[in-house]
N, C-alpha and C. Protein backbone atom coordinates (compact mmCIF):
# COMPACT_ATOMS: atom_id res chain seq x y z
N UNK A 1 1.92 -19.13 -0.03
CA UNK A 1 2.01 -17.77 -0.51
C UNK A 1 1.19 -16.85 0.39
N UNK A 2 1.76 -15.71 0.67
CA UNK A 2 1.09 -14.69 1.47
C UNK A 2 0.23 -13.83 0.55
N UNK A 3 -0.98 -13.48 1.00
CA UNK A 3 -1.82 -12.53 0.30
C UNK A 3 -1.81 -11.24 1.11
N UNK A 4 -1.49 -10.13 0.43
CA UNK A 4 -1.36 -8.85 1.11
C UNK A 4 -2.31 -7.86 0.45
N UNK A 5 -3.29 -7.40 1.21
CA UNK A 5 -4.25 -6.42 0.74
C UNK A 5 -3.81 -5.05 1.26
N UNK A 6 -3.63 -4.10 0.34
CA UNK A 6 -3.16 -2.77 0.74
C UNK A 6 -4.14 -1.71 0.25
N UNK A 7 -4.27 -0.64 1.03
CA UNK A 7 -5.12 0.47 0.63
C UNK A 7 -4.62 1.75 1.27
N UNK A 8 -4.75 2.82 0.52
CA UNK A 8 -4.46 4.15 1.02
C UNK A 8 -5.73 4.97 0.98
N UNK A 9 -5.86 5.90 1.91
CA UNK A 9 -7.04 6.76 1.95
C UNK A 9 -6.61 8.15 2.37
N UNK A 10 -7.37 9.13 1.91
CA UNK A 10 -7.07 10.52 2.22
C UNK A 10 -8.37 11.28 2.45
N UNK A 11 -8.39 12.12 3.48
CA UNK A 11 -9.55 12.96 3.76
C UNK A 11 -9.27 14.35 3.19
N UNK A 12 -9.38 14.46 1.89
CA UNK A 12 -9.03 15.69 1.18
C UNK A 12 -7.98 15.35 0.14
N UNK A 13 -7.68 16.31 -0.70
CA UNK A 13 -6.71 16.04 -1.76
C UNK A 13 -5.84 17.27 -2.00
N UNK A 14 -4.76 17.45 -1.27
CA UNK A 14 -4.27 16.54 -0.21
C UNK A 14 -5.03 16.74 1.09
N UNK A 15 -4.80 15.82 1.99
CA UNK A 15 -5.40 15.88 3.31
C UNK A 15 -4.79 14.83 4.20
N UNK A 16 -5.26 14.75 5.45
CA UNK A 16 -4.76 13.71 6.35
C UNK A 16 -4.98 12.34 5.69
N UNK A 17 -3.96 11.51 5.72
CA UNK A 17 -4.01 10.24 4.99
C UNK A 17 -3.61 9.07 5.87
N UNK A 18 -3.96 7.88 5.39
CA UNK A 18 -3.61 6.68 6.12
C UNK A 18 -3.41 5.50 5.18
N UNK A 19 -2.70 4.51 5.68
CA UNK A 19 -2.46 3.27 4.93
C UNK A 19 -2.95 2.11 5.76
N UNK A 20 -3.58 1.15 5.08
CA UNK A 20 -4.03 -0.07 5.73
C UNK A 20 -3.46 -1.27 5.03
N UNK A 21 -2.99 -2.24 5.80
CA UNK A 21 -2.41 -3.46 5.25
C UNK A 21 -3.03 -4.65 5.98
N UNK A 22 -3.53 -5.62 5.20
CA UNK A 22 -4.12 -6.85 5.74
C UNK A 22 -3.38 -8.01 5.09
N UNK A 23 -2.70 -8.82 5.93
CA UNK A 23 -1.90 -9.93 5.44
C UNK A 23 -2.54 -11.25 5.87
N UNK A 24 -2.75 -12.13 4.88
CA UNK A 24 -3.31 -13.45 5.15
C UNK A 24 -2.31 -14.50 4.67
N UNK A 25 -2.12 -15.53 5.50
CA UNK A 25 -1.26 -16.63 5.09
C UNK A 25 -0.66 -17.33 6.28
N UNK A 26 -0.14 -18.51 6.05
CA UNK A 26 0.46 -19.32 7.11
C UNK A 26 -0.50 -19.52 8.27
N UNK A 27 -1.79 -19.58 7.95
CA UNK A 27 -2.79 -19.85 8.98
C UNK A 27 -3.10 -18.71 9.91
N UNK A 28 -2.70 -17.50 9.56
CA UNK A 28 -3.00 -16.36 10.43
C UNK A 28 -3.29 -15.12 9.60
N UNK A 29 -3.80 -14.12 10.28
CA UNK A 29 -4.08 -12.84 9.64
C UNK A 29 -3.43 -11.73 10.47
N UNK A 30 -2.87 -10.75 9.77
CA UNK A 30 -2.22 -9.62 10.45
C UNK A 30 -2.81 -8.34 9.88
N UNK A 31 -2.97 -7.33 10.73
CA UNK A 31 -3.48 -6.04 10.27
C UNK A 31 -2.55 -4.92 10.72
N UNK A 32 -2.41 -3.93 9.86
CA UNK A 32 -1.56 -2.78 10.15
C UNK A 32 -2.27 -1.52 9.67
N UNK A 33 -2.10 -0.46 10.44
CA UNK A 33 -2.73 0.81 10.13
C UNK A 33 -1.72 1.92 10.41
N UNK A 34 -1.43 2.75 9.40
CA UNK A 34 -0.41 3.79 9.55
C UNK A 34 -0.94 5.16 9.17
N UNK A 35 -0.83 6.14 10.07
CA UNK A 35 -1.12 7.52 9.67
C UNK A 35 0.01 8.01 8.77
N UNK A 36 -0.32 8.75 7.72
CA UNK A 36 0.70 9.18 6.75
C UNK A 36 0.88 10.69 6.67
N UNK A 37 0.17 11.45 7.48
CA UNK A 37 0.28 12.90 7.38
C UNK A 37 -0.50 13.40 6.18
N UNK A 38 -0.11 14.56 5.67
CA UNK A 38 -0.82 15.18 4.55
C UNK A 38 -0.28 14.68 3.22
N UNK A 39 -1.15 14.10 2.42
CA UNK A 39 -0.79 13.69 1.06
C UNK A 39 -2.06 13.43 0.28
N UNK A 40 -1.91 13.24 -1.03
CA UNK A 40 -3.05 12.93 -1.88
C UNK A 40 -3.43 11.46 -1.72
N UNK A 41 -4.62 11.13 -2.19
CA UNK A 41 -5.08 9.74 -2.13
C UNK A 41 -4.16 8.84 -2.95
N UNK A 42 -3.73 9.30 -4.12
CA UNK A 42 -2.83 8.48 -4.94
C UNK A 42 -1.50 8.23 -4.23
N UNK A 43 -0.95 9.26 -3.60
CA UNK A 43 0.30 9.07 -2.85
C UNK A 43 0.09 8.04 -1.74
N UNK A 44 -1.04 8.14 -1.03
CA UNK A 44 -1.34 7.19 0.05
C UNK A 44 -1.43 5.76 -0.47
N UNK A 45 -1.98 5.58 -1.67
CA UNK A 45 -2.06 4.25 -2.27
C UNK A 45 -0.66 3.67 -2.51
N UNK A 46 0.22 4.49 -3.05
CA UNK A 46 1.61 4.04 -3.29
C UNK A 46 2.30 3.70 -1.97
N UNK A 47 2.15 4.57 -0.98
CA UNK A 47 2.82 4.37 0.30
C UNK A 47 2.29 3.12 1.00
N UNK A 48 1.00 2.85 0.86
CA UNK A 48 0.43 1.63 1.46
C UNK A 48 1.11 0.39 0.89
N UNK A 49 1.32 0.38 -0.42
CA UNK A 49 2.01 -0.76 -1.04
C UNK A 49 3.45 -0.86 -0.52
N UNK A 50 4.14 0.25 -0.46
CA UNK A 50 5.52 0.26 0.04
C UNK A 50 5.57 -0.29 1.46
N UNK A 51 4.69 0.20 2.32
CA UNK A 51 4.68 -0.27 3.71
C UNK A 51 4.38 -1.76 3.79
N UNK A 52 3.43 -2.22 2.98
CA UNK A 52 3.11 -3.65 2.96
C UNK A 52 4.30 -4.49 2.53
N UNK A 53 5.01 -4.02 1.51
CA UNK A 53 6.19 -4.73 1.03
C UNK A 53 7.29 -4.76 2.10
N UNK A 54 7.50 -3.63 2.76
CA UNK A 54 8.52 -3.56 3.81
C UNK A 54 8.19 -4.50 4.96
N UNK A 55 6.93 -4.55 5.36
CA UNK A 55 6.52 -5.45 6.45
C UNK A 55 6.80 -6.90 6.05
N UNK A 56 6.40 -7.27 4.85
CA UNK A 56 6.62 -8.65 4.40
C UNK A 56 8.10 -9.02 4.39
N UNK A 57 8.93 -8.14 3.89
CA UNK A 57 10.36 -8.42 3.85
C UNK A 57 10.95 -8.52 5.25
N UNK A 58 10.52 -7.64 6.16
CA UNK A 58 10.99 -7.70 7.56
C UNK A 58 10.61 -9.03 8.21
N UNK A 59 9.45 -9.55 7.86
CA UNK A 59 8.96 -10.79 8.46
C UNK A 59 9.45 -12.03 7.72
N UNK A 60 10.19 -11.84 6.62
CA UNK A 60 10.72 -12.97 5.88
C UNK A 60 9.72 -13.61 4.93
N UNK A 61 8.66 -12.89 4.58
CA UNK A 61 7.68 -13.40 3.62
C UNK A 61 8.21 -13.09 2.22
N UNK A 62 8.83 -14.07 1.60
CA UNK A 62 9.51 -13.82 0.32
C UNK A 62 8.66 -14.17 -0.91
N UNK A 63 7.51 -14.79 -0.68
CA UNK A 63 6.59 -15.10 -1.78
C UNK A 63 5.26 -14.45 -1.42
N UNK A 64 4.89 -13.40 -2.17
CA UNK A 64 3.71 -12.63 -1.80
C UNK A 64 2.94 -12.14 -3.01
N UNK A 65 1.63 -12.16 -2.86
CA UNK A 65 0.73 -11.62 -3.85
C UNK A 65 0.04 -10.41 -3.25
N UNK A 66 0.30 -9.25 -3.81
CA UNK A 66 -0.27 -8.00 -3.31
C UNK A 66 -1.54 -7.68 -4.07
N UNK A 67 -2.55 -7.20 -3.35
CA UNK A 67 -3.84 -6.85 -3.93
C UNK A 67 -4.09 -5.38 -3.62
N UNK A 68 -4.46 -4.61 -4.63
CA UNK A 68 -4.77 -3.19 -4.46
C UNK A 68 -6.02 -2.86 -5.25
N UNK A 69 -6.81 -1.92 -4.74
CA UNK A 69 -7.96 -1.46 -5.51
C UNK A 69 -7.63 -0.19 -6.30
N UNK A 70 -6.35 0.16 -6.34
CA UNK A 70 -5.89 1.32 -7.10
C UNK A 70 -5.38 0.86 -8.47
N UNK A 71 -6.16 1.15 -9.50
CA UNK A 71 -5.71 0.80 -10.85
C UNK A 71 -4.46 1.58 -11.21
N UNK A 72 -4.34 2.81 -10.72
CA UNK A 72 -3.15 3.63 -10.99
C UNK A 72 -1.88 2.93 -10.51
N UNK A 73 -1.89 2.44 -9.28
CA UNK A 73 -0.73 1.77 -8.70
C UNK A 73 -0.47 0.44 -9.41
N UNK A 74 -1.52 -0.33 -9.62
CA UNK A 74 -1.37 -1.62 -10.29
C UNK A 74 -0.74 -1.45 -11.67
N UNK A 75 -1.25 -0.52 -12.46
CA UNK A 75 -0.72 -0.30 -13.81
C UNK A 75 0.71 0.21 -13.78
N UNK A 76 0.99 1.12 -12.86
CA UNK A 76 2.35 1.68 -12.77
C UNK A 76 3.37 0.58 -12.47
N UNK A 77 3.05 -0.29 -11.53
CA UNK A 77 3.97 -1.36 -11.16
C UNK A 77 4.11 -2.36 -12.31
N UNK A 78 3.00 -2.74 -12.93
CA UNK A 78 3.04 -3.70 -14.04
C UNK A 78 3.85 -3.15 -15.22
N UNK A 79 3.66 -1.87 -15.53
CA UNK A 79 4.35 -1.27 -16.68
C UNK A 79 5.70 -0.66 -16.32
N UNK A 80 5.97 -0.56 -15.01
CA UNK A 80 7.20 0.07 -14.51
C UNK A 80 7.35 1.49 -15.05
N UNK A 81 6.21 2.20 -15.04
CA UNK A 81 6.18 3.54 -15.62
C UNK A 81 5.05 4.36 -14.98
N UNK A 82 5.34 5.63 -14.71
CA UNK A 82 4.32 6.58 -14.27
C UNK A 82 4.32 7.79 -15.19
N UNK A 83 3.14 8.25 -15.53
CA UNK A 83 3.02 9.48 -16.33
C UNK A 83 3.36 10.69 -15.48
N UNK A 84 2.78 10.73 -14.28
CA UNK A 84 2.98 11.86 -13.37
C UNK A 84 4.28 11.64 -12.59
N UNK A 85 5.25 12.47 -12.84
CA UNK A 85 6.58 12.30 -12.22
C UNK A 85 6.56 12.49 -10.70
N UNK A 86 5.49 13.06 -10.17
CA UNK A 86 5.33 13.16 -8.73
C UNK A 86 5.37 11.77 -8.08
N UNK A 87 4.88 10.76 -8.81
CA UNK A 87 4.82 9.40 -8.28
C UNK A 87 6.07 8.58 -8.57
N UNK A 88 7.00 9.13 -9.31
CA UNK A 88 8.20 8.40 -9.70
C UNK A 88 9.02 7.87 -8.52
N UNK A 89 9.25 8.68 -7.47
CA UNK A 89 10.01 8.13 -6.32
C UNK A 89 9.32 6.94 -5.66
N UNK A 90 7.98 6.97 -5.61
CA UNK A 90 7.25 5.85 -5.02
C UNK A 90 7.43 4.59 -5.88
N UNK A 91 7.27 4.75 -7.17
CA UNK A 91 7.43 3.60 -8.07
C UNK A 91 8.85 3.05 -7.99
N UNK A 92 9.82 3.93 -7.95
CA UNK A 92 11.22 3.49 -7.86
C UNK A 92 11.44 2.64 -6.61
N UNK A 93 10.88 3.07 -5.48
CA UNK A 93 11.03 2.33 -4.23
C UNK A 93 10.33 0.96 -4.34
N UNK A 94 9.16 0.92 -4.95
CA UNK A 94 8.43 -0.33 -5.12
C UNK A 94 9.24 -1.30 -5.97
N UNK A 95 9.82 -0.80 -7.05
CA UNK A 95 10.61 -1.67 -7.93
C UNK A 95 11.86 -2.18 -7.22
N UNK A 96 12.49 -1.33 -6.40
CA UNK A 96 13.65 -1.76 -5.61
C UNK A 96 13.26 -2.88 -4.65
N UNK A 97 12.14 -2.70 -3.96
CA UNK A 97 11.69 -3.71 -2.99
C UNK A 97 11.26 -5.00 -3.69
N UNK A 98 10.64 -4.89 -4.86
CA UNK A 98 10.09 -6.07 -5.52
C UNK A 98 11.15 -7.11 -5.86
N UNK A 99 12.37 -6.68 -6.14
CA UNK A 99 13.42 -7.64 -6.50
C UNK A 99 13.95 -8.39 -5.28
N UNK A 100 13.58 -7.94 -4.07
CA UNK A 100 13.99 -8.64 -2.86
C UNK A 100 13.10 -9.84 -2.55
N UNK A 101 11.97 -9.96 -3.25
CA UNK A 101 11.07 -11.10 -3.08
C UNK A 101 11.50 -12.22 -4.01
N UNK A 102 11.30 -13.47 -3.56
CA UNK A 102 11.51 -14.61 -4.45
C UNK A 102 10.44 -14.60 -5.54
N UNK A 103 9.20 -14.33 -5.14
CA UNK A 103 8.10 -14.16 -6.08
C UNK A 103 7.27 -12.97 -5.62
N UNK A 104 7.03 -12.03 -6.53
CA UNK A 104 6.26 -10.83 -6.24
C UNK A 104 5.17 -10.69 -7.30
N UNK A 105 3.93 -10.61 -6.84
CA UNK A 105 2.80 -10.40 -7.74
C UNK A 105 2.00 -9.20 -7.26
N UNK A 106 1.40 -8.49 -8.19
CA UNK A 106 0.46 -7.44 -7.83
C UNK A 106 -0.76 -7.62 -8.71
N UNK A 107 -1.92 -7.41 -8.11
CA UNK A 107 -3.18 -7.62 -8.81
C UNK A 107 -4.17 -6.56 -8.39
N UNK A 108 -4.88 -6.00 -9.37
CA UNK A 108 -5.97 -5.09 -9.07
C UNK A 108 -7.19 -5.89 -8.66
N UNK A 109 -7.88 -5.42 -7.61
CA UNK A 109 -9.13 -6.02 -7.17
C UNK A 109 -10.16 -4.90 -6.98
N UNK A 110 -11.44 -5.22 -7.08
CA UNK A 110 -12.46 -4.21 -6.82
C UNK A 110 -12.46 -3.80 -5.35
N UNK A 111 -12.88 -2.58 -5.10
CA UNK A 111 -12.91 -2.05 -3.72
C UNK A 111 -13.66 -2.96 -2.76
N UNK A 112 -14.73 -3.59 -3.25
CA UNK A 112 -15.54 -4.45 -2.36
C UNK A 112 -14.75 -5.65 -1.84
N UNK A 113 -13.66 -6.00 -2.51
CA UNK A 113 -12.82 -7.12 -2.05
C UNK A 113 -11.66 -6.64 -1.17
N UNK A 114 -11.62 -5.35 -0.93
CA UNK A 114 -10.51 -4.77 -0.17
C UNK A 114 -11.00 -4.02 1.07
N UNK A 115 -12.11 -4.47 1.63
CA UNK A 115 -12.76 -3.73 2.72
C UNK A 115 -11.93 -3.67 3.99
N UNK A 116 -11.22 -4.73 4.33
CA UNK A 116 -10.44 -4.72 5.58
C UNK A 116 -9.32 -3.69 5.49
N UNK A 117 -8.56 -3.71 4.40
CA UNK A 117 -7.47 -2.74 4.24
C UNK A 117 -8.02 -1.32 4.17
N UNK A 118 -9.16 -1.14 3.51
CA UNK A 118 -9.79 0.18 3.42
C UNK A 118 -10.17 0.70 4.81
N UNK A 119 -10.76 -0.15 5.61
CA UNK A 119 -11.16 0.24 6.97
C UNK A 119 -9.92 0.61 7.81
N UNK A 120 -8.85 -0.15 7.65
CA UNK A 120 -7.61 0.14 8.38
C UNK A 120 -7.02 1.48 7.94
N UNK A 121 -7.06 1.75 6.64
CA UNK A 121 -6.53 3.02 6.13
C UNK A 121 -7.37 4.20 6.64
N UNK A 122 -8.68 4.04 6.62
CA UNK A 122 -9.56 5.12 7.08
C UNK A 122 -9.40 5.38 8.57
N UNK A 123 -9.20 4.32 9.35
CA UNK A 123 -8.99 4.53 10.79
C UNK A 123 -7.66 5.22 11.06
N UNK A 124 -6.67 4.98 10.20
CA UNK A 124 -5.36 5.62 10.37
C UNK A 124 -5.45 7.13 10.14
N UNK A 125 -6.35 7.56 9.27
CA UNK A 125 -6.52 9.00 9.03
C UNK A 125 -6.81 9.72 10.33
N UNK A 126 -7.62 9.10 11.17
CA UNK A 126 -8.03 9.73 12.42
C UNK A 126 -6.90 9.84 13.44
N UNK A 127 -5.82 9.11 13.24
CA UNK A 127 -4.71 9.15 14.20
C UNK A 127 -3.58 10.07 13.76
N UNK A 128 -3.77 10.80 12.65
CA UNK A 128 -2.76 11.75 12.20
C UNK A 128 -2.59 12.87 13.20
N UNK A 129 -1.38 13.37 13.28
CA UNK A 129 -1.09 14.57 14.06
C UNK A 129 -0.90 15.70 13.07
N UNK A 130 -1.02 16.92 13.51
CA UNK A 130 -0.97 18.07 12.59
C UNK A 130 0.28 18.15 11.76
N UNK A 131 1.43 17.81 12.33
CA UNK A 131 2.70 18.00 11.60
C UNK A 131 3.32 16.70 11.11
N UNK A 132 2.58 15.62 11.16
CA UNK A 132 3.11 14.32 10.78
C UNK A 132 3.13 14.19 9.26
N UNK A 133 4.18 13.61 8.72
CA UNK A 133 4.24 13.34 7.28
C UNK A 133 5.08 12.11 7.03
N UNK A 134 4.93 11.54 5.85
CA UNK A 134 5.64 10.31 5.48
C UNK A 134 7.09 10.60 5.22
């Protein structure tokens, strides 16, 4: 099973944002860092999960356990519901992608256990361009 640590970060609300993905499994580790343009921290958290899921599916990782330090994202995916309709398109995309996995898990973890993904997300903020967006 692949373990995928995802994190989104934003310098402002909204502000320049980034996503970090750290994948462990099959005896190797992979890191990804994506600038996301201007968005809120919550949006960046959702997009980080989406990007992590897309990477896994592209690589053929069909059994994956995703870890996020965002309780908002974890609860939304578990309950398949968002209160704030702004996040509805993100949740819809996550649910669409989740059925493409043979096994899909998501788990909330404390921030201290998500340091690599957090660092990748924060470094991605610095690579944003003025007009870049997700």
